[in-house]
């Protein structure tokens, strides 16, 4: 699982929640780093991407568009979950237009994060 988040506390919450569910994490501090990590990964290495929208260097929307544009099959099918403090309908629309699969409002609730992942990765999460 690739997690892109520039806020240390939000990263810590996501990391704790995901590791508790058995996920291995690769962390990125901004969208540019997330894109580079995904681009240089093996195909199907990441089961999902948790992507903050507002980050330095490259925002999550742009990073998602660049990931989706990569010439590899996993880039177009990997679930990308937006994490953002902006939960307005405009923000959700922008996330979906960028190719994101779903939208999770901050502050991150670990139970909600895991439930959302269960929708997209049912075989990967155990009760």
C-alpha atoms as a PDB file:
ATOM      1  CA  UNK A   1       0.000   0.000   0.000  1.00  0.00           C
ATOM      2  CA  UNK A   2       1.319   3.418  -0.938  1.00  0.00           C
ATOM      3  CA  UNK A   3       0.398   6.294   1.391  1.00  0.00           C
ATOM      4  CA  UNK A   4       1.095   9.887   0.337  1.00  0.00           C
ATOM      5  CA  UNK A   5       0.645  12.380   3.163  1.00  0.00           C
ATOM      6  CA  UNK A   6       2.672  15.444   4.139  1.00  0.00           C
ATOM      7  CA  UNK A   7       1.205  15.792   7.652  1.00  0.00           C
ATOM      8  CA  UNK A   8       3.096  13.657  10.177  1.00  0.00           C
ATOM      9  CA  UNK A   9       0.090  13.055  12.461  1.00  0.00           C
ATOM     10  CA  UNK A  10      -2.172  11.970   9.602  1.00  0.00           C
ATOM     11  CA  UNK A  11       0.581   9.690   8.310  1.00  0.00           C
ATOM     12  CA  UNK A  12       0.964   8.169  11.767  1.00  0.00           C
ATOM     13  CA  UNK A  13      -2.789   7.455  12.013  1.00  0.00           C
ATOM     14  CA  UNK A  14      -2.888   5.893   8.556  1.00  0.00           C
ATOM     15  CA  UNK A  15       0.262   3.883   9.232  1.00  0.00           C
ATOM     16  CA  UNK A  16      -1.024   2.551  12.556  1.00  0.00           C
ATOM     17  CA  UNK A  17      -4.418   1.604  11.090  1.00  0.00           C
ATOM     18  CA  UNK A  18      -3.030  -0.074   7.993  1.00  0.00           C
ATOM     19  CA  UNK A  19      -0.213  -1.969   9.712  1.00  0.00           C
ATOM     20  CA  UNK A  20      -2.706  -3.256  12.289  1.00  0.00           C
ATOM     21  CA  UNK A  21      -4.662  -4.741   9.356  1.00  0.00           C
ATOM     22  CA  UNK A  22      -1.525  -6.413   8.027  1.00  0.00           C
ATOM     23  CA  UNK A  23      -0.651  -4.043   5.184  1.00  0.00           C
ATOM     24  CA  UNK A  24       2.934  -3.254   4.283  1.00  0.00           C
ATOM     25  CA  UNK A  25       3.376   0.455   3.662  1.00  0.00           C
ATOM     26  CA  UNK A  26       5.489   2.582   1.411  1.00  0.00           C
ATOM     27  CA  UNK A  27       5.319   6.226   2.480  1.00  0.00           C
ATOM     28  CA  UNK A  28       5.580   9.374   0.369  1.00  0.00           C
ATOM     29  CA  UNK A  29       5.751  12.933   1.695  1.00  0.00           C
ATOM     30  CA  UNK A  30       4.270  14.592  -1.374  1.00  0.00           C
ATOM     31  CA  UNK A  31       2.606  13.843  -4.699  1.00  0.00           C
ATOM     32  CA  UNK A  32       5.817  13.958  -6.690  1.00  0.00           C
ATOM     33  CA  UNK A  33       7.422  11.361  -4.440  1.00  0.00           C
ATOM     34  CA  UNK A  34       4.263   9.194  -4.591  1.00  0.00           C
ATOM     35  CA  UNK A  35       4.269   9.290  -8.385  1.00  0.00           C
ATOM     36  CA  UNK A  36       7.970   8.384  -8.556  1.00  0.00           C
ATOM     37  CA  UNK A  37       7.546   5.517  -6.105  1.00  0.00           C
ATOM     38  CA  UNK A  38       4.600   4.110  -8.063  1.00  0.00           C
ATOM     39  CA  UNK A  39       6.345   4.605 -11.414  1.00  0.00           C
ATOM     40  CA  UNK A  40       9.437   2.754 -10.202  1.00  0.00           C
ATOM     41  CA  UNK A  41       7.528  -0.066  -8.494  1.00  0.00           C
ATOM     42  CA  UNK A  42       6.881  -3.532  -9.868  1.00  0.00           C
ATOM     43  CA  UNK A  43       3.549  -3.982 -11.594  1.00  0.00           C
ATOM     44  CA  UNK A  44       0.789  -4.817  -9.054  1.00  0.00           C
ATOM     45  CA  UNK A  45       3.134  -4.088  -6.140  1.00  0.00           C
ATOM     46  CA  UNK A  46       0.588  -1.752  -4.550  1.00  0.00           C
ATOM     47  CA  UNK A  47      -2.915  -2.955  -3.677  1.00  0.00           C
ATOM     48  CA  UNK A  48      -4.104   0.641  -3.198  1.00  0.00           C
ATOM     49  CA  UNK A  49      -2.922   4.224  -2.898  1.00  0.00           C
ATOM     50  CA  UNK A  50      -4.033   6.538  -0.101  1.00  0.00           C
ATOM     51  CA  UNK A  51      -3.430  10.044  -1.471  1.00  0.00           C
ATOM     52  CA  UNK A  52      -3.644  13.362   0.332  1.00  0.00           C
ATOM     53  CA  UNK A  53      -4.870  16.032  -2.054  1.00  0.00           C
ATOM     54  CA  UNK A  54      -3.100  19.141  -0.766  1.00  0.00           C
ATOM     55  CA  UNK A  55       0.648  18.475  -0.655  1.00  0.00           C
ATOM     56  CA  UNK A  56       3.810  20.371  -1.580  1.00  0.00           C
ATOM     57  CA  UNK A  57       5.722  19.889  -4.859  1.00  0.00           C
ATOM     58  CA  UNK A  58       2.812  18.086  -6.570  1.00  0.00           C
ATOM     59  CA  UNK A  59      -0.717  17.798  -5.229  1.00  0.00           C
ATOM     60  CA  UNK A  60      -2.573  14.505  -5.013  1.00  0.00           C
ATOM     61  CA  UNK A  61      -4.828  15.293  -7.966  1.00  0.00           C
ATOM     62  CA  UNK A  62      -1.882  15.780 -10.314  1.00  0.00           C
ATOM     63  CA  UNK A  63      -0.046  12.763  -8.892  1.00  0.00           C
ATOM     64  CA  UNK A  64      -3.128  10.594  -9.462  1.00  0.00           C
ATOM     65  CA  UNK A  65      -3.503  11.805 -13.048  1.00  0.00           C
ATOM     66  CA  UNK A  66       0.159  10.992 -13.696  1.00  0.00           C
ATOM     67  CA  UNK A  67      -0.153   7.538 -12.125  1.00  0.00           C
ATOM     68  CA  UNK A  68      -3.260   6.787 -14.204  1.00  0.00           C
ATOM     69  CA  UNK A  69      -1.429   7.877 -17.358  1.00  0.00           C
ATOM     70  CA  UNK A  70       1.425   5.400 -16.883  1.00  0.00           C
ATOM     71  CA  UNK A  71       1.582   2.755 -19.626  1.00  0.00           C
ATOM     72  CA  UNK A  72       0.986  -0.217 -17.328  1.00  0.00           C
ATOM     73  CA  UNK A  73      -2.166  -2.140 -16.476  1.00  0.00           C
ATOM     74  CA  UNK A  74      -2.026  -1.688 -12.696  1.00  0.00           C
ATOM     75  CA  UNK A  75      -1.934   2.101 -13.012  1.00  0.00           C
ATOM     76  CA  UNK A  76      -5.461   2.167 -14.359  1.00  0.00           C
ATOM     77  CA  UNK A  77      -6.984  -0.281 -11.896  1.00  0.00           C
ATOM     78  CA  UNK A  78      -5.295   0.488  -8.553  1.00  0.00           C
ATOM     79  CA  UNK A  79      -7.792   2.042  -6.111  1.00  0.00           C
ATOM     80  CA  UNK A  80      -6.722   5.586  -5.199  1.00  0.00           C
ATOM     81  CA  UNK A  81      -8.418   6.918  -2.069  1.00  0.00           C
ATOM     82  CA  UNK A  82      -8.332  10.693  -1.618  1.00  0.00           C
ATOM     83  CA  UNK A  83      -7.642  12.017   1.877  1.00  0.00           C
ATOM     84  CA  UNK A  84      -8.511  15.657   2.318  1.00  0.00           C
ATOM     85  CA  UNK A  85      -9.706  18.227   4.788  1.00  0.00           C
ATOM     86  CA  UNK A  86     -11.941  19.607   2.026  1.00  0.00           C
ATOM     87  CA  UNK A  87     -15.097  17.485   1.981  1.00  0.00           C
ATOM     88  CA  UNK A  88     -17.246  19.726  -0.206  1.00  0.00           C
ATOM     89  CA  UNK A  89     -18.954  18.286  -3.281  1.00  0.00           C
ATOM     90  CA  UNK A  90     -16.627  20.313  -5.583  1.00  0.00           C
ATOM     91  CA  UNK A  91     -13.624  18.638  -3.968  1.00  0.00           C
ATOM     92  CA  UNK A  92     -15.157  15.188  -4.386  1.00  0.00           C
ATOM     93  CA  UNK A  93     -15.870  15.925  -8.046  1.00  0.00           C
ATOM     94  CA  UNK A  94     -12.268  17.066  -8.629  1.00  0.00           C
ATOM     95  CA  UNK A  95     -10.962  13.904  -6.963  1.00  0.00           C
ATOM     96  CA  UNK A  96     -13.116  11.662  -9.147  1.00  0.00           C
ATOM     97  CA  UNK A  97     -12.217  13.638 -12.284  1.00  0.00           C
ATOM     98  CA  UNK A  98      -8.529  13.072 -11.484  1.00  0.00           C
ATOM     99  CA  UNK A  99      -9.171   9.326 -11.433  1.00  0.00           C
ATOM    100  CA  UNK A 100      -9.488   8.757  -7.698  1.00  0.00           C
ATOM    101  CA  UNK A 101     -11.701   5.886  -6.629  1.00  0.00           C
ATOM    102  CA  UNK A 102     -13.123   7.335  -3.423  1.00  0.00           C
ATOM    103  CA  UNK A 103     -12.872  10.281  -1.047  1.00  0.00           C
ATOM    104  CA  UNK A 104     -12.136  10.229   2.695  1.00  0.00           C
ATOM    105  CA  UNK A 105     -12.507  13.403   4.767  1.00  0.00           C
ATOM    106  CA  UNK A 106      -9.974  14.353   7.435  1.00  0.00           C
ATOM    107  CA  UNK A 107      -9.507  14.006  10.305  1.00  0.00           C
ATOM    108  CA  UNK A 108      -8.867  10.384   9.470  1.00  0.00           C
ATOM    109  CA  UNK A 109     -10.773   7.855  11.502  1.00  0.00           C
ATOM    110  CA  UNK A 110      -8.952   4.523  11.404  1.00  0.00           C
ATOM    111  CA  UNK A 111     -12.174   2.470  11.409  1.00  0.00           C
ATOM    112  CA  UNK A 112     -13.560   4.458   8.461  1.00  0.00           C
ATOM    113  CA  UNK A 113     -10.301   4.061   6.550  1.00  0.00           C
ATOM    114  CA  UNK A 114     -10.330   0.290   6.972  1.00  0.00           C
ATOM    115  CA  UNK A 115     -14.038   0.081   6.061  1.00  0.00           C
ATOM    116  CA  UNK A 116     -13.382   2.047   2.884  1.00  0.00           C
ATOM    117  CA  UNK A 117     -10.523  -0.248   1.923  1.00  0.00           C
ATOM    118  CA  UNK A 118     -12.772  -3.263   2.519  1.00  0.00           C
ATOM    119  CA  UNK A 119     -14.983  -1.977  -0.311  1.00  0.00           C
ATOM    120  CA  UNK A 120     -12.113  -2.112  -2.788  1.00  0.00           C
ATOM    121  CA  UNK A 121      -9.917  -4.881  -1.381  1.00  0.00           C
ATOM    122  CA  UNK A 122     -12.286  -7.401   0.208  1.00  0.00           C
ATOM    123  CA  UNK A 123      -9.934 -10.352  -0.268  1.00  0.00           C
ATOM    124  CA  UNK A 124      -7.021  -8.517   1.331  1.00  0.00           C
ATOM    125  CA  UNK A 125      -8.592  -7.635   4.695  1.00  0.00           C
ATOM    126  CA  UNK A 126      -9.340 -10.221   7.365  1.00  0.00           C
ATOM    127  CA  UNK A 127     -11.891  -9.736  10.179  1.00  0.00           C
END
